PDB file of all heavy atoms in Angstrom:
ATOM      1  N   ILE A   1       6.311-139.301-228.154  1.00  0.00           N
ATOM      2  CA  ILE A   1       5.344-138.248-228.422  1.00  0.00           C
ATOM      3  C   ILE A   1       4.884-138.313-229.884  1.00  0.00           C
ATOM      4  O   ILE A   1       5.724-138.415-230.808  1.00  0.00           O
ATOM      5  CB  ILE A   1       5.928-136.840-228.140  1.00  0.00           C
ATOM      6  CG1 ILE A   1       6.421-136.760-226.695  1.00  0.00           C
ATOM      7  CG2 ILE A   1       4.892-135.751-228.429  1.00  0.00           C
ATOM      8  CD1 ILE A   1       5.378-136.924-225.630  1.00  0.00           C
ATOM      9  N   TYR A   2       3.558-138.271-230.110  1.00  0.00           N
ATOM     10  CA  TYR A   2       3.010-138.235-231.465  1.00  0.00           C
ATOM     11  C   TYR A   2       2.439-136.838-231.757  1.00  0.00           C
ATOM     12  O   TYR A   2       2.286-136.015-230.854  1.00  0.00           O
ATOM     13  CB  TYR A   2       1.926-139.298-231.631  1.00  0.00           C
ATOM     14  CG  TYR A   2       2.479-140.713-231.530  1.00  0.00           C
ATOM     15  CD1 TYR A   2       2.209-141.500-230.426  1.00  0.00           C
ATOM     16  CD2 TYR A   2       3.253-141.251-232.550  1.00  0.00           C
ATOM     17  CE1 TYR A   2       2.718-142.770-230.304  1.00  0.00           C
ATOM     18  CE2 TYR A   2       3.768-142.540-232.439  1.00  0.00           C
ATOM     19  CZ  TYR A   2       3.501-143.301-231.325  1.00  0.00           C
ATOM     20  OH  TYR A   2       3.998-144.562-231.221  1.00  0.00           O
ATOM     21  N   ASP A   3       2.086-136.593-233.022  1.00  0.00           N
ATOM     22  CA  ASP A   3       1.584-135.279-233.413  1.00  0.00           C
ATOM     23  C   ASP A   3       0.390-134.841-232.585  1.00  0.00           C
ATOM     24  O   ASP A   3       0.284-133.667-232.201  1.00  0.00           O
ATOM     25  CB  ASP A   3       1.184-135.287-234.898  1.00  0.00           C
ATOM     26  CG  ASP A   3       2.380-135.131-235.833  1.00  0.00           C
ATOM     27  OD1 ASP A   3       3.409-134.577-235.368  1.00  0.00           O
ATOM     28  OD2 ASP A   3       2.314-135.552-236.985  1.00  0.00           O
ATOM     29  N   HIS A   4      -0.519-135.772-232.279  1.00  0.00           N
ATOM     30  CA  HIS A   4      -1.716-135.377-231.529  1.00  0.00           C
ATOM     31  C   HIS A   4      -1.421-135.072-230.058  1.00  0.00           C
ATOM     32  O   HIS A   4      -2.281-134.551-229.347  1.00  0.00           O
ATOM     33  CB  HIS A   4      -2.793-136.474-231.623  1.00  0.00           C
ATOM     34  CG  HIS A   4      -2.404-137.781-230.976  1.00  0.00           C
ATOM     35  ND1 HIS A   4      -1.872-138.818-231.695  1.00  0.00           N
ATOM     36  CD2 HIS A   4      -2.443-138.204-229.682  1.00  0.00           C
ATOM     37  CE1 HIS A   4      -1.634-139.842-230.902  1.00  0.00           C
ATOM     38  NE2 HIS A   4      -1.981-139.483-229.666  1.00  0.00           N
ATOM     39  N   ASP A   5      -0.171-135.343-229.616  1.00  0.00           N
ATOM     40  CA  ASP A   5       0.209-135.021-228.235  1.00  0.00           C
ATOM     41  C   ASP A   5       0.791-133.615-228.106  1.00  0.00           C
ATOM     42  O   ASP A   5       0.944-133.112-226.989  1.00  0.00           O
ATOM     43  CB  ASP A   5       1.276-135.998-227.747  1.00  0.00           C
ATOM     44  CG  ASP A   5       0.813-137.437-227.714  1.00  0.00           C
ATOM     45  OD1 ASP A   5      -0.358-137.668-227.326  1.00  0.00           O
ATOM     46  OD2 ASP A   5       1.596-138.331-228.076  1.00  0.00           O
ATOM     47  N   LEU A   6       1.143-132.991-229.216  1.00  0.00           N
ATOM     48  CA  LEU A   6       1.926-131.757-229.158  1.00  0.00           C
ATOM     49  C   LEU A   6       1.212-130.614-228.420  1.00  0.00           C
ATOM     50  O   LEU A   6       1.832-129.857-227.667  1.00  0.00           O
ATOM     51  CB  LEU A   6       2.317-131.303-230.578  1.00  0.00           C
ATOM     52  CG  LEU A   6       3.270-132.255-231.317  1.00  0.00           C
ATOM     53  CD1 LEU A   6       3.524-131.770-232.734  1.00  0.00           C
ATOM     54  CD2 LEU A   6       4.592-132.403-230.557  1.00  0.00           C
ATOM     55  N   SER A   7      -0.095-130.497-228.615  1.00  0.00           N
ATOM     56  CA  SER A   7      -0.822-129.442-227.916  1.00  0.00           C
ATOM     57  C   SER A   7      -0.860-129.698-226.417  1.00  0.00           C
ATOM     58  O   SER A   7      -0.779-128.760-225.604  1.00  0.00           O
ATOM     59  CB  SER A   7      -2.246-129.306-228.457  1.00  0.00           C
ATOM     60  OG  SER A   7      -2.961-130.505-228.273  1.00  0.00           O
ATOM     61  N   ILE A   8      -0.950-130.982-226.031  1.00  0.00           N
ATOM     62  CA  ILE A   8      -0.928-131.350-224.616  1.00  0.00           C
ATOM     63  C   ILE A   8       0.421-131.013-223.996  1.00  0.00           C
ATOM     64  O   ILE A   8       0.497-130.470-222.896  1.00  0.00           O
ATOM     65  CB  ILE A   8      -1.238-132.844-224.437  1.00  0.00           C
ATOM     66  CG1 ILE A   8      -2.617-133.210-225.033  1.00  0.00           C
ATOM     67  CG2 ILE A   8      -1.191-133.257-222.966  1.00  0.00           C
ATOM     68  CD1 ILE A   8      -2.890-134.697-225.076  1.00  0.00           C
ATOM     69  N   ILE A   9       1.477-131.333-224.740  1.00  0.00           N
ATOM     70  CA  ILE A   9       2.830-131.047-224.273  1.00  0.00           C
ATOM     71  C   ILE A   9       3.009-129.563-223.970  1.00  0.00           C
ATOM     72  O   ILE A   9       3.526-129.162-222.922  1.00  0.00           O
ATOM     73  CB  ILE A   9       3.862-131.479-225.340  1.00  0.00           C
ATOM     74  CG1 ILE A   9       3.999-133.017-225.384  1.00  0.00           C
ATOM     75  CG2 ILE A   9       5.241-130.861-225.071  1.00  0.00           C
ATOM     76  CD1 ILE A   9       4.493-133.630-224.113  1.00  0.00           C
ATOM     77  N   LYS A  10       2.554-128.732-224.881  1.00  0.00           N
ATOM     78  CA  LYS A  10       2.698-127.284-224.712  1.00  0.00           C
ATOM     79  C   LYS A  10       1.914-126.786-223.495  1.00  0.00           C
ATOM     80  O   LYS A  10       2.401-125.960-222.734  1.00  0.00           O
ATOM     81  CB  LYS A  10       2.272-126.563-225.987  1.00  0.00           C
ATOM     82  CG  LYS A  10       3.230-126.800-227.151  1.00  0.00           C
ATOM     83  CD  LYS A  10       2.785-126.084-228.409  1.00  0.00           C
ATOM     84  CE  LYS A  10       3.790-126.331-229.550  1.00  0.00           C
ATOM     85  NZ  LYS A  10       3.381-125.646-230.809  1.00  0.00           N
ATOM     86  N   THR A  11       0.712-127.337-223.317  1.00  0.00           N
ATOM     87  CA  THR A  11      -0.111-126.956-222.160  1.00  0.00           C
ATOM     88  C   THR A  11       0.576-127.355-220.848  1.00  0.00           C
ATOM     89  O   THR A  11       0.650-126.549-219.913  1.00  0.00           O
ATOM     90  CB  THR A  11      -1.508-127.611-222.243  1.00  0.00           C
ATOM     91  OG1 THR A  11      -2.166-127.185-223.438  1.00  0.00           O
ATOM     92  CG2 THR A  11      -2.364-127.219-221.041  1.00  0.00           C
ATOM     93  N   LEU A  12       1.078-128.592-220.798  1.00  0.00           N
ATOM     94  CA  LEU A  12       1.748-129.081-219.600  1.00  0.00           C
ATOM     95  C   LEU A  12       2.967-128.233-219.255  1.00  0.00           C
ATOM     96  O   LEU A  12       3.176-127.841-218.107  1.00  0.00           O
ATOM     97  CB  LEU A  12       2.160-130.552-219.774  1.00  0.00           C
ATOM     98  CG  LEU A  12       1.063-131.607-219.708  1.00  0.00           C
ATOM     99  CD1 LEU A  12       1.613-132.979-220.099  1.00  0.00           C
ATOM    100  CD2 LEU A  12       0.459-131.685-218.328  1.00  0.00           C
ATOM    101  N   LEU A  13       3.787-127.966-220.273  1.00  0.00           N
ATOM    102  CA  LEU A  13       5.011-127.190-220.031  1.00  0.00           C
ATOM    103  C   LEU A  13       4.706-125.740-219.678  1.00  0.00           C
ATOM    104  O   LEU A  13       5.369-125.156-218.803  1.00  0.00           O
ATOM    105  CB  LEU A  13       5.918-127.272-221.247  1.00  0.00           C
ATOM    106  CG  LEU A  13       6.610-128.631-221.463  1.00  0.00           C
ATOM    107  CD1 LEU A  13       7.346-128.658-222.798  1.00  0.00           C
ATOM    108  CD2 LEU A  13       7.569-128.954-220.331  1.00  0.00           C
ATOM    109  N   ASP A  14       3.696-125.162-220.301  1.00  0.00           N
ATOM    110  CA  ASP A  14       3.325-123.780-219.966  1.00  0.00           C
ATOM    111  C   ASP A  14       2.869-123.685-218.504  1.00  0.00           C
ATOM    112  O   ASP A  14       3.245-122.767-217.777  1.00  0.00           O
ATOM    113  CB  ASP A  14       2.218-123.293-220.882  1.00  0.00           C
ATOM    114  CG  ASP A  14       2.711-122.966-222.296  1.00  0.00           C
ATOM    115  OD1 ASP A  14       3.933-122.761-222.445  1.00  0.00           O
ATOM    116  OD2 ASP A  14       1.882-122.916-223.222  1.00  0.00           O
ATOM    117  N   LYS A  15       2.060-124.665-218.079  1.00  0.00           N
ATOM    118  CA  LYS A  15       1.558-124.690-216.699  1.00  0.00           C
ATOM    119  C   LYS A  15       2.704-124.935-215.703  1.00  0.00           C
ATOM    120  O   LYS A  15       2.733-124.362-214.619  1.00  0.00           O
ATOM    121  CB  LYS A  15       0.481-125.733-216.543  1.00  0.00           C
ATOM    122  CG  LYS A  15      -0.833-125.404-217.234  1.00  0.00           C
ATOM    123  CD  LYS A  15      -1.571-124.280-216.511  1.00  0.00           C
ATOM    124  CE  LYS A  15      -2.959-124.034-217.093  1.00  0.00           C
ATOM    125  NZ  LYS A  15      -3.666-122.936-216.425  1.00  0.00           N
ATOM    126  N   ALA A  16       3.648-125.819-216.099  1.00  0.00           N
ATOM    127  CA  ALA A  16       4.787-126.103-215.239  1.00  0.00           C
ATOM    128  C   ALA A  16       5.674-124.871-215.082  1.00  0.00           C
ATOM    129  O   ALA A  16       6.154-124.564-213.980  1.00  0.00           O
ATOM    130  CB  ALA A  16       5.600-127.267-215.823  1.00  0.00           C
ATOM    131  N   LYS A  17       5.870-124.161-216.178  1.00  0.00           N
ATOM    132  CA  LYS A  17       6.652-122.942-216.132  1.00  0.00           C
ATOM    133  C   LYS A  17       5.956-121.892-215.257  1.00  0.00           C
ATOM    134  O   LYS A  17       6.603-121.219-214.434  1.00  0.00           O
ATOM    135  CB  LYS A  17       6.816-122.401-217.567  1.00  0.00           C
ATOM    136  CG  LYS A  17       7.552-121.060-217.686  1.00  0.00           C
ATOM    137  CD  LYS A  17       9.039-121.179-217.389  1.00  0.00           C
ATOM    138  CE  LYS A  17       9.742-119.871-217.654  1.00  0.00           C
ATOM    139  NZ  LYS A  17      11.164-119.920-217.271  1.00  0.00           N
ATOM    140  N   GLU A  18       4.657-121.776-215.382  1.00  0.00           N
ATOM    141  CA  GLU A  18       3.863-120.845-214.601  1.00  0.00           C
ATOM    142  C   GLU A  18       3.949-121.167-213.102  1.00  0.00           C
ATOM    143  O   GLU A  18       3.982-120.263-212.260  1.00  0.00           O
ATOM    144  CB  GLU A  18       2.415-120.899-215.073  1.00  0.00           C
ATOM    145  CG  GLU A  18       1.468-119.921-214.419  1.00  0.00           C
ATOM    146  CD  GLU A  18       0.042-120.108-214.926  1.00  0.00           C
ATOM    147  OE1 GLU A  18      -0.148-120.194-216.157  1.00  0.00           O
ATOM    148  OE2 GLU A  18      -0.882-120.188-214.089  1.00  0.00           O
ATOM    149  N   ALA A  19       3.989-122.458-212.774  1.00  0.00           N
ATOM    150  CA  ALA A  19       4.076-122.907-211.375  1.00  0.00           C
ATOM    151  C   ALA A  19       5.494-122.876-210.830  1.00  0.00           C
ATOM    152  O   ALA A  19       5.726-123.207-209.663  1.00  0.00           O
ATOM    153  CB  ALA A  19       3.490-124.306-211.241  1.00  0.00           C
ATOM    154  N   ASP A  20       6.456-122.510-211.677  1.00  0.00           N
ATOM    155  CA  ASP A  20       7.861-122.438-211.305  1.00  0.00           C
ATOM    156  C   ASP A  20       8.436-123.810-210.943  1.00  0.00           C
ATOM    157  O   ASP A  20       9.223-123.952-209.998  1.00  0.00           O
ATOM    158  CB  ASP A  20       8.058-121.452-210.141  1.00  0.00           C
ATOM    159  CG  ASP A  20       9.515-120.947-210.065  1.00  0.00           C
ATOM    160  OD1 ASP A  20      10.207-121.017-211.095  1.00  0.00           O
ATOM    161  OD2 ASP A  20       9.939-120.503-208.984  1.00  0.00           O
ATOM    162  N   ILE A  21       8.026-124.827-211.691  1.00  0.00           N
ATOM    163  CA  ILE A  21       8.640-126.157-211.569  1.00  0.00           C
ATOM    164  C   ILE A  21      10.068-126.050-212.064  1.00  0.00           C
ATOM    165  O   ILE A  21      10.355-125.399-213.072  1.00  0.00           O
ATOM    166  CB  ILE A  21       7.836-127.204-212.395  1.00  0.00           C
ATOM    167  CG1 ILE A  21       6.381-127.325-211.875  1.00  0.00           C
ATOM    168  CG2 ILE A  21       8.531-128.556-212.366  1.00  0.00           C
ATOM    169  CD1 ILE A  21       6.266-127.689-210.410  1.00  0.00           C
ATOM    170  N   THR A  22      11.019-126.703-211.381  1.00  0.00           N
ATOM    171  CA  THR A  22      12.444-126.518-211.658  1.00  0.00           C
ATOM    172  C   THR A  22      12.853-126.936-213.050  1.00  0.00           C
ATOM    173  O   THR A  22      13.573-126.215-213.752  1.00  0.00           O
ATOM    174  CB  THR A  22      13.287-127.281-210.620  1.00  0.00           C
ATOM    175  OG1 THR A  22      12.864-126.933-209.303  1.00  0.00           O
ATOM    176  CG2 THR A  22      14.759-126.943-210.785  1.00  0.00           C
ATOM    177  N   ALA A  23      12.415-128.152-213.471  1.00  0.00           N
ATOM    178  CA  ALA A  23      12.890-128.691-214.760  1.00  0.00           C
ATOM    179  C   ALA A  23      11.917-129.739-215.274  1.00  0.00           C
ATOM    180  O   ALA A  23      11.064-130.226-214.543  1.00  0.00           O
ATOM    181  CB  ALA A  23      14.287-129.287-214.595  1.00  0.00           C
ATOM    182  N   VAL A  24      12.086-130.079-216.532  1.00  0.00           N
ATOM    183  CA  VAL A  24      11.319-131.163-217.156  1.00  0.00           C
ATOM    184  C   VAL A  24      12.281-132.279-217.522  1.00  0.00           C
ATOM    185  O   VAL A  24      13.386-132.026-218.024  1.00  0.00           O
ATOM    186  CB  VAL A  24      10.533-130.682-218.382  1.00  0.00           C
ATOM    187  CG1 VAL A  24      11.464-130.105-219.451  1.00  0.00           C
ATOM    188  CG2 VAL A  24       9.688-131.831-218.971  1.00  0.00           C
ATOM    189  N   ILE A  25      11.905-133.536-217.255  1.00  0.00           N
ATOM    190  CA  ILE A  25      12.679-134.702-217.659  1.00  0.00           C
ATOM    191  C   ILE A  25      12.082-135.185-218.981  1.00  0.00           C
ATOM    192  O   ILE A  25      10.917-135.569-219.048  1.00  0.00           O
ATOM    193  CB  ILE A  25      12.606-135.814-216.601  1.00  0.00           C
ATOM    194  CG1 ILE A  25      13.171-135.304-215.258  1.00  0.00           C
ATOM    195  CG2 ILE A  25      13.386-137.050-217.064  1.00  0.00           C
ATOM    196  CD1 ILE A  25      12.976-136.293-214.118  1.00  0.00           C
ATOM    197  N   ALA A  26      12.901-135.173-220.042  1.00  0.00           N
ATOM    198  CA  ALA A  26      12.378-135.433-221.381  1.00  0.00           C
ATOM    199  C   ALA A  26      13.251-136.393-222.166  1.00  0.00           C
ATOM    200  O   ALA A  26      14.433-136.562-221.858  1.00  0.00           O
ATOM    201  CB  ALA A  26      12.259-134.106-222.136  1.00  0.00           C
ATOM    202  N   MET A  27      12.648-137.006-223.187  1.00  0.00           N
ATOM    203  CA  MET A  27      13.416-137.820-224.110  1.00  0.00           C
ATOM    204  C   MET A  27      13.092-137.479-225.574  1.00  0.00           C
ATOM    205  O   MET A  27      13.887-137.737-226.468  1.00  0.00           O
ATOM    206  CB  MET A  27      13.211-139.320-223.850  1.00  0.00           C
ATOM    207  CG  MET A  27      11.787-139.838-224.036  1.00  0.00           C
ATOM    208  SD  MET A  27      11.336-140.296-225.710  1.00  0.00           S
ATOM    209  CE  MET A  27      12.312-141.750-225.950  1.00  0.00           C
ATOM    210  N   ASP A  28      11.924-136.906-225.834  1.00  0.00           N
ATOM    211  CA  ASP A  28      11.512-136.552-227.190  1.00  0.00           C
ATOM    212  C   ASP A  28      11.961-135.144-227.514  1.00  0.00           C
ATOM    213  O   ASP A  28      11.815-134.227-226.699  1.00  0.00           O
ATOM    214  CB  ASP A  28       9.996-136.692-227.335  1.00  0.00           C
ATOM    215  CG  ASP A  28       9.552-136.648-228.786  1.00  0.00           C
ATOM    216  OD1 ASP A  28       9.602-135.551-229.388  1.00  0.00           O
ATOM    217  OD2 ASP A  28       9.175-137.705-229.324  1.00  0.00           O
ATOM    218  N   GLN A  29      12.503-134.953-228.720  1.00  0.00           N
ATOM    219  CA  GLN A  29      13.016-133.637-229.098  1.00  0.00           C
ATOM    220  C   GLN A  29      11.943-132.548-229.115  1.00  0.00           C
ATOM    221  O   GLN A  29      12.232-131.377-228.905  1.00  0.00           O
ATOM    222  CB  GLN A  29      13.704-133.718-230.457  1.00  0.00           C
ATOM    223  CG  GLN A  29      14.642-132.563-230.751  1.00  0.00           C
ATOM    224  CD  GLN A  29      15.825-132.486-229.802  1.00  0.00           C
ATOM    225  OE1 GLN A  29      16.437-133.496-229.497  1.00  0.00           O
ATOM    226  NE2 GLN A  29      16.134-131.286-229.304  1.00  0.00           N
ATOM    227  N   ALA A  30      10.691-132.956-229.330  1.00  0.00           N
ATOM    228  CA  ALA A  30       9.594-131.983-229.324  1.00  0.00           C
ATOM    229  C   ALA A  30       9.440-131.356-227.944  1.00  0.00           C
ATOM    230  O   ALA A  30       9.229-130.144-227.800  1.00  0.00           O
ATOM    231  CB  ALA A  30       8.289-132.654-229.738  1.00  0.00           C
ATOM    232  N   VAL A  31       9.562-132.193-226.909  1.00  0.00           N
ATOM    233  CA  VAL A  31       9.463-131.710-225.533  1.00  0.00           C
ATOM    234  C   VAL A  31      10.673-130.838-225.207  1.00  0.00           C
ATOM    235  O   VAL A  31      10.566-129.748-224.639  1.00  0.00           O
ATOM    236  CB  VAL A  31       9.371-132.874-224.533  1.00  0.00           C
ATOM    237  CG1 VAL A  31       9.295-132.350-223.112  1.00  0.00           C
ATOM    238  CG2 VAL A  31       8.177-133.761-224.843  1.00  0.00           C
ATOM    239  N   ILE A  32      11.839-131.325-225.588  1.00  0.00           N
ATOM    240  CA  ILE A  32      13.093-130.593-225.321  1.00  0.00           C
ATOM    241  C   ILE A  32      13.058-129.219-226.004  1.00  0.00           C
ATOM    242  O   ILE A  32      13.383-128.207-225.381  1.00  0.00           O
ATOM    243  CB  ILE A  32      14.296-131.413-225.821  1.00  0.00           C
ATOM    244  CG1 ILE A  32      14.431-132.714-225.016  1.00  0.00           C
ATOM    245  CG2 ILE A  32      15.584-130.596-225.720  1.00  0.00           C
ATOM    246  CD1 ILE A  32      15.418-133.712-225.589  1.00  0.00           C
ATOM    247  N   ALA A  33      12.630-129.178-227.262  1.00  0.00           N
ATOM    248  CA  ALA A  33      12.646-127.940-228.030  1.00  0.00           C
ATOM    249  C   ALA A  33      11.684-126.914-227.434  1.00  0.00           C
ATOM    250  O   ALA A  33      12.012-125.738-227.299  1.00  0.00           O
ATOM    251  CB  ALA A  33      12.288-128.230-229.493  1.00  0.00           C
ATOM    252  N   TYR A  34      10.469-127.368-227.051  1.00  0.00           N
ATOM    253  CA  TYR A  34       9.491-126.413-226.508  1.00  0.00           C
ATOM    254  C   TYR A  34       9.897-125.915-225.138  1.00  0.00           C
ATOM    255  O   TYR A  34       9.718-124.739-224.788  1.00  0.00           O
ATOM    256  CB  TYR A  34       8.085-127.004-226.476  1.00  0.00           C
ATOM    257  CG  TYR A  34       7.050-125.935-226.150  1.00  0.00           C
ATOM    258  CD1 TYR A  34       6.728-124.953-227.090  1.00  0.00           C
ATOM    259  CD2 TYR A  34       6.424-125.884-224.916  1.00  0.00           C
ATOM    260  CE1 TYR A  34       5.803-123.950-226.806  1.00  0.00           C
ATOM    261  CE2 TYR A  34       5.517-124.885-224.604  1.00  0.00           C
ATOM    262  CZ  TYR A  34       5.199-123.933-225.559  1.00  0.00           C
ATOM    263  OH  TYR A  34       4.310-122.923-225.281  1.00  0.00           O
ATOM    264  N   ALA A  35      10.472-126.816-224.337  1.00  0.00           N
ATOM    265  CA  ALA A  35      10.958-126.416-223.005  1.00  0.00           C
ATOM    266  C   ALA A  35      12.047-125.334-223.138  1.00  0.00           C
ATOM    267  O   ALA A  35      12.042-124.334-222.416  1.00  0.00           O
ATOM    268  CB  ALA A  35      11.485-127.612-222.247  1.00  0.00           C
ATOM    269  N   ARG A  36      12.953-125.535-224.091  1.00  0.00           N
ATOM    270  CA  ARG A  36      13.996-124.549-224.316  1.00  0.00           C
ATOM    271  C   ARG A  36      13.392-123.229-224.819  1.00  0.00           C
ATOM    272  O   ARG A  36      13.832-122.147-224.436  1.00  0.00           O
ATOM    273  CB  ARG A  36      15.001-125.092-225.348  1.00  0.00           C
ATOM    274  CG  ARG A  36      15.776-126.308-224.884  1.00  0.00           C
ATOM    275  CD  ARG A  36      16.859-125.965-223.876  1.00  0.00           C
ATOM    276  NE  ARG A  36      17.838-125.035-224.428  1.00  0.00           N
ATOM    277  CZ  ARG A  36      18.121-123.849-223.884  1.00  0.00           C
ATOM    278  NH1 ARG A  36      17.517-123.448-222.778  1.00  0.00           N
ATOM    279  NH2 ARG A  36      19.028-123.075-224.438  1.00  0.00           N
ATOM    280  N   GLN A  37      12.360-123.349-225.655  1.00  0.00           N
ATOM    281  CA  GLN A  37      11.716-122.153-226.208  1.00  0.00           C
ATOM    282  C   GLN A  37      11.119-121.253-225.128  1.00  0.00           C
ATOM    283  O   GLN A  37      11.194-120.017-225.211  1.00  0.00           O
ATOM    284  CB  GLN A  37      10.614-122.582-227.188  1.00  0.00           C
ATOM    285  CG  GLN A  37       9.892-121.411-227.863  1.00  0.00           C
ATOM    286  CD  GLN A  37       8.787-121.906-228.798  1.00  0.00           C
ATOM    287  OE1 GLN A  37       8.952-122.935-229.479  1.00  0.00           O
ATOM    288  NE2 GLN A  37       7.680-121.197-228.838  1.00  0.00           N
ATOM    289  N   ILE A  38      10.547-121.873-224.073  1.00  0.00           N
ATOM    290  CA  ILE A  38       9.924-121.093-222.996  1.00  0.00           C
ATOM    291  C   ILE A  38      10.867-120.861-221.832  1.00  0.00           C
ATOM    292  O   ILE A  38      10.464-120.315-220.795  1.00  0.00           O
ATOM    293  CB  ILE A  38       8.618-121.758-222.503  1.00  0.00           C
ATOM    294  CG1 ILE A  38       8.887-123.135-221.876  1.00  0.00           C
ATOM    295  CG2 ILE A  38       7.599-121.875-223.635  1.00  0.00           C
ATOM    296  CD1 ILE A  38       7.663-123.765-221.227  1.00  0.00           C
ATOM    297  N   GLY A  39      12.122-121.263-221.992  1.00  0.00           N
ATOM    298  CA  GLY A  39      13.125-121.008-220.964  1.00  0.00           C
ATOM    299  C   GLY A  39      13.051-121.918-219.758  1.00  0.00           C
ATOM    300  O   GLY A  39      13.388-121.504-218.639  1.00  0.00           O
ATOM    301  N   MET A  40      12.651-123.167-219.968  1.00  0.00           N
ATOM    302  CA  MET A  40      12.555-124.136-218.857  1.00  0.00           C
ATOM    303  C   MET A  40      13.752-125.098-218.902  1.00  0.00           C
ATOM    304  O   MET A  40      14.158-125.566-219.969  1.00  0.00           O
ATOM    305  CB  MET A  40      11.270-124.919-218.959  1.00  0.00           C
ATOM    306  CG  MET A  40      10.949-125.733-217.712  1.00  0.00           C
ATOM    307  SD  MET A  40       9.264-126.377-217.751  1.00  0.00           S
ATOM    308  CE  MET A  40       9.207-127.143-216.113  1.00  0.00           C
ATOM    309  N   GLU A  41      14.328-125.366-217.741  1.00  0.00           N
ATOM    310  CA  GLU A  41      15.473-126.269-217.640  1.00  0.00           C
ATOM    311  C   GLU A  41      15.082-127.677-218.087  1.00  0.00           C
ATOM    312  O   GLU A  41      13.990-128.164-217.783  1.00  0.00           O
ATOM    313  CB  GLU A  41      15.975-126.300-216.195  1.00  0.00           C
ATOM    314  CG  GLU A  41      17.248-127.121-215.993  1.00  0.00           C
ATOM    315  CD  GLU A  41      17.725-127.076-214.551  1.00  0.00           C
ATOM    316  OE1 GLU A  41      17.643-126.000-213.902  1.00  0.00           O
ATOM    317  OE2 GLU A  41      18.225-128.135-214.076  1.00  0.00           O
TER     318      GLU A  41
END
């Protein structure tokens, strides 16, 4: 993940959380941190 991807990441995770997707499979700490912030597994 690069800096210009961060807004996309947040949009994807927000929509996934809204759709009640069970979890996100991640490797970048930016994805992990935001998923934890919004309460996503």
